[in-house]
N, C-alpha and C. Protein backbone atom coordinates (compact mmCIF):
# COMPACT_ATOMS: atom_id res chain seq x y z
N MET A 1 110.93 98.44 81.81
CA MET A 1 112.29 98.32 82.28
C MET A 1 112.37 98.72 83.74
N GLY A 2 113.20 98.06 84.50
CA GLY A 2 113.32 98.42 85.90
C GLY A 2 112.28 97.74 86.78
N GLU A 3 111.39 96.94 86.17
CA GLU A 3 110.39 96.24 86.96
C GLU A 3 110.70 94.76 86.97
N ASN A 4 110.30 94.10 88.02
CA ASN A 4 110.56 92.69 88.16
C ASN A 4 109.37 92.06 88.84
N THR A 5 109.10 90.82 88.55
CA THR A 5 108.02 90.11 89.21
C THR A 5 108.61 88.93 89.96
N ALA A 6 108.28 88.83 91.22
CA ALA A 6 108.78 87.72 92.04
C ALA A 6 107.60 86.86 92.44
N SER A 7 107.78 85.57 92.37
CA SER A 7 106.77 84.66 92.87
C SER A 7 107.46 83.43 93.44
N VAL A 8 106.86 82.85 94.46
CA VAL A 8 107.45 81.69 95.12
C VAL A 8 106.35 80.97 95.87
N GLN A 9 106.54 79.71 96.13
CA GLN A 9 105.61 78.98 96.97
C GLN A 9 105.86 79.42 98.40
N THR A 10 104.89 80.07 99.04
CA THR A 10 105.10 80.61 100.38
C THR A 10 104.93 79.57 101.47
N ASN A 11 104.44 78.38 101.14
CA ASN A 11 104.25 77.38 102.18
C ASN A 11 105.45 76.45 102.31
N SER A 12 106.57 76.78 101.68
CA SER A 12 107.74 75.91 101.75
C SER A 12 108.45 75.98 103.10
N GLN A 13 108.31 77.09 103.81
CA GLN A 13 108.93 77.24 105.13
C GLN A 13 107.85 77.62 106.12
N ASP A 14 108.06 77.30 107.36
CA ASP A 14 107.09 77.68 108.38
C ASP A 14 107.77 78.64 109.34
N THR A 15 107.60 79.94 109.11
CA THR A 15 108.21 80.96 109.96
C THR A 15 107.16 81.66 110.82
N GLY A 16 105.97 81.09 110.93
CA GLY A 16 104.93 81.69 111.74
C GLY A 16 103.89 82.37 110.87
N GLU A 17 102.86 82.91 111.52
CA GLU A 17 101.76 83.54 110.78
C GLU A 17 102.18 84.89 110.20
N PHE A 18 103.01 85.64 110.90
CA PHE A 18 103.43 86.95 110.42
C PHE A 18 104.79 86.85 109.74
N LEU A 19 104.91 87.50 108.60
CA LEU A 19 106.17 87.53 107.86
C LEU A 19 106.71 88.96 107.89
N TYR A 20 107.98 89.07 108.24
CA TYR A 20 108.65 90.36 108.31
C TYR A 20 109.60 90.50 107.12
N VAL A 21 110.24 91.66 106.99
CA VAL A 21 111.14 91.92 105.86
C VAL A 21 112.20 90.83 105.74
N GLN A 22 112.81 90.44 106.86
CA GLN A 22 113.86 89.41 106.79
C GLN A 22 113.30 88.07 106.32
N ASP A 23 112.03 87.79 106.62
CA ASP A 23 111.39 86.56 106.13
C ASP A 23 111.21 86.61 104.62
N LEU A 24 110.78 87.77 104.10
CA LEU A 24 110.64 87.91 102.65
C LEU A 24 111.99 87.77 101.96
N ALA A 25 113.03 88.34 102.56
CA ALA A 25 114.38 88.25 101.99
C ALA A 25 114.82 86.80 101.87
N LYS A 26 114.58 86.00 102.89
CA LYS A 26 114.93 84.57 102.85
C LYS A 26 114.10 83.84 101.81
N MET A 27 112.80 84.09 101.83
CA MET A 27 111.87 83.40 100.94
C MET A 27 112.18 83.62 99.46
N PHE A 28 112.44 84.88 99.11
CA PHE A 28 112.64 85.24 97.71
C PHE A 28 114.12 85.31 97.33
N ARG A 29 114.99 85.03 98.32
CA ARG A 29 116.44 85.05 98.09
C ARG A 29 116.90 86.39 97.52
N VAL A 30 116.51 87.46 98.21
CA VAL A 30 116.93 88.81 97.85
C VAL A 30 117.53 89.47 99.10
N GLY A 31 118.14 90.61 98.90
CA GLY A 31 118.69 91.36 100.03
C GLY A 31 117.61 92.10 100.79
N ARG A 32 118.02 92.69 101.91
CA ARG A 32 117.07 93.40 102.77
C ARG A 32 116.42 94.59 102.07
N SER A 33 117.18 95.34 101.28
CA SER A 33 116.62 96.52 100.64
C SER A 33 115.56 96.15 99.60
N LYS A 34 115.79 95.08 98.84
CA LYS A 34 114.78 94.64 97.86
C LYS A 34 113.57 94.05 98.57
N ALA A 35 113.79 93.34 99.66
CA ALA A 35 112.68 92.81 100.45
C ALA A 35 111.85 93.96 101.03
N ARG A 36 112.51 95.04 101.42
CA ARG A 36 111.82 96.23 101.94
C ARG A 36 110.93 96.85 100.86
N LEU A 37 111.44 96.92 99.61
CA LEU A 37 110.64 97.44 98.50
C LEU A 37 109.43 96.54 98.25
N MET A 38 109.62 95.24 98.38
CA MET A 38 108.51 94.31 98.21
C MET A 38 107.46 94.54 99.29
N MET A 39 107.89 94.70 100.53
CA MET A 39 106.96 94.92 101.63
C MET A 39 106.16 96.20 101.42
N ASP A 40 106.78 97.22 100.80
CA ASP A 40 106.07 98.47 100.54
C ASP A 40 104.94 98.29 99.54
N VAL A 41 105.07 97.32 98.63
CA VAL A 41 104.04 97.06 97.63
C VAL A 41 102.91 96.20 98.20
N LEU A 42 103.23 95.35 99.14
CA LEU A 42 102.26 94.41 99.71
C LEU A 42 101.32 95.09 100.70
N PRO A 43 100.16 94.47 100.95
CA PRO A 43 99.23 95.02 101.94
C PRO A 43 99.71 94.71 103.37
N SER A 44 100.74 95.39 103.77
CA SER A 44 101.36 95.13 105.08
C SER A 44 100.80 96.05 106.14
N PHE A 45 101.13 95.74 107.38
CA PHE A 45 100.72 96.57 108.52
C PHE A 45 101.85 96.57 109.53
N ALA A 46 101.81 97.50 110.46
CA ALA A 46 102.89 97.63 111.44
C ALA A 46 102.54 96.91 112.73
N VAL A 47 103.52 96.20 113.25
CA VAL A 47 103.45 95.61 114.59
C VAL A 47 104.59 96.27 115.34
N GLY A 48 104.24 97.23 116.18
CA GLY A 48 105.28 98.05 116.80
C GLY A 48 105.89 98.93 115.72
N ARG A 49 107.19 98.81 115.54
CA ARG A 49 107.89 99.61 114.52
C ARG A 49 108.23 98.79 113.28
N ARG A 50 107.81 97.53 113.25
CA ARG A 50 108.17 96.65 112.15
C ARG A 50 106.96 96.35 111.28
N ASP A 51 107.15 96.41 109.96
CA ASP A 51 106.09 96.06 109.03
C ASP A 51 106.04 94.56 108.86
N CYS A 52 104.84 94.03 108.71
CA CYS A 52 104.69 92.60 108.46
C CYS A 52 103.45 92.37 107.62
N ILE A 53 103.33 91.15 107.15
CA ILE A 53 102.17 90.72 106.38
C ILE A 53 101.84 89.31 106.85
N THR A 54 100.57 88.97 106.86
CA THR A 54 100.23 87.60 107.23
C THR A 54 100.54 86.69 106.06
N ARG A 55 100.85 85.46 106.38
CA ARG A 55 101.16 84.46 105.34
C ARG A 55 99.98 84.31 104.37
N SER A 56 98.76 84.30 104.90
CA SER A 56 97.58 84.14 104.03
C SER A 56 97.39 85.35 103.12
N ASP A 57 97.65 86.57 103.63
CA ASP A 57 97.55 87.77 102.78
C ASP A 57 98.59 87.74 101.67
N LEU A 58 99.80 87.26 101.97
CA LEU A 58 100.83 87.15 100.95
C LEU A 58 100.42 86.14 99.88
N ASP A 59 99.89 84.99 100.30
CA ASP A 59 99.43 83.98 99.35
C ASP A 59 98.34 84.55 98.43
N VAL A 60 97.37 85.24 99.01
CA VAL A 60 96.28 85.83 98.23
C VAL A 60 96.83 86.87 97.26
N TYR A 61 97.72 87.74 97.75
CA TYR A 61 98.28 88.80 96.89
C TYR A 61 99.02 88.19 95.70
N ILE A 62 99.84 87.19 95.95
CA ILE A 62 100.61 86.56 94.87
C ILE A 62 99.68 85.88 93.88
N ARG A 63 98.66 85.22 94.38
CA ARG A 63 97.69 84.54 93.50
C ARG A 63 96.94 85.56 92.63
N GLU A 64 96.48 86.65 93.24
CA GLU A 64 95.70 87.65 92.50
C GLU A 64 96.54 88.46 91.52
N HIS A 65 97.81 88.71 91.85
CA HIS A 65 98.65 89.58 91.03
C HIS A 65 99.72 88.81 90.25
N SER A 66 99.70 87.50 90.33
CA SER A 66 100.68 86.63 89.65
C SER A 66 102.11 86.99 90.04
N GLY A 67 102.32 87.33 91.28
CA GLY A 67 103.65 87.68 91.78
C GLY A 67 103.61 89.02 92.49
N ILE A 68 104.79 89.57 92.72
CA ILE A 68 104.92 90.87 93.38
C ILE A 68 105.67 91.78 92.43
N ARG A 69 104.98 92.78 91.90
CA ARG A 69 105.62 93.71 90.97
C ARG A 69 106.30 94.81 91.77
N VAL A 70 107.59 94.93 91.53
CA VAL A 70 108.39 95.93 92.25
C VAL A 70 109.17 96.74 91.23
N LYS A 71 109.18 98.04 91.41
CA LYS A 71 109.99 98.89 90.54
C LYS A 71 111.27 99.21 91.29
N TRP A 72 112.38 98.64 90.81
CA TRP A 72 113.66 98.86 91.46
C TRP A 72 114.15 100.26 91.13
N PRO A 73 114.69 100.98 92.09
CA PRO A 73 115.23 102.33 91.80
C PRO A 73 116.47 102.23 90.91
N LYS A 74 116.65 103.23 90.07
CA LYS A 74 117.82 103.25 89.20
C LYS A 74 119.06 103.55 90.01
N ARG A 75 120.16 102.96 89.60
CA ARG A 75 121.44 103.23 90.26
C ARG A 75 122.00 104.54 89.73
N PRO A 76 122.65 105.30 90.59
CA PRO A 76 123.28 106.54 90.11
C PRO A 76 124.45 106.21 89.19
N HIS A 77 124.64 107.05 88.19
CA HIS A 77 125.77 106.87 87.27
C HIS A 77 127.08 107.22 87.97
N ARG A 78 128.08 106.38 87.76
CA ARG A 78 129.40 106.67 88.31
C ARG A 78 130.24 107.31 87.22
N HIS A 79 130.91 108.35 87.56
CA HIS A 79 131.75 109.05 86.57
C HIS A 79 133.20 108.89 86.91
């Protein structure tokens, strides 16, 4: 529970060799915070202050792991 697997064809858009959090958000149709959680799971690296992953590394990761497993944080209970 609380885990989700995302997979998508990464060659559907051409946004360059490096993919940033906003690129993952567009690709997987998720918000920035969920895309950030995905980037934390992926074999990413920093370019300046921004994390990125190469398109080929993302393709390999998705192929090897059958998607991107992310554990979403639980929402706080509202009283």
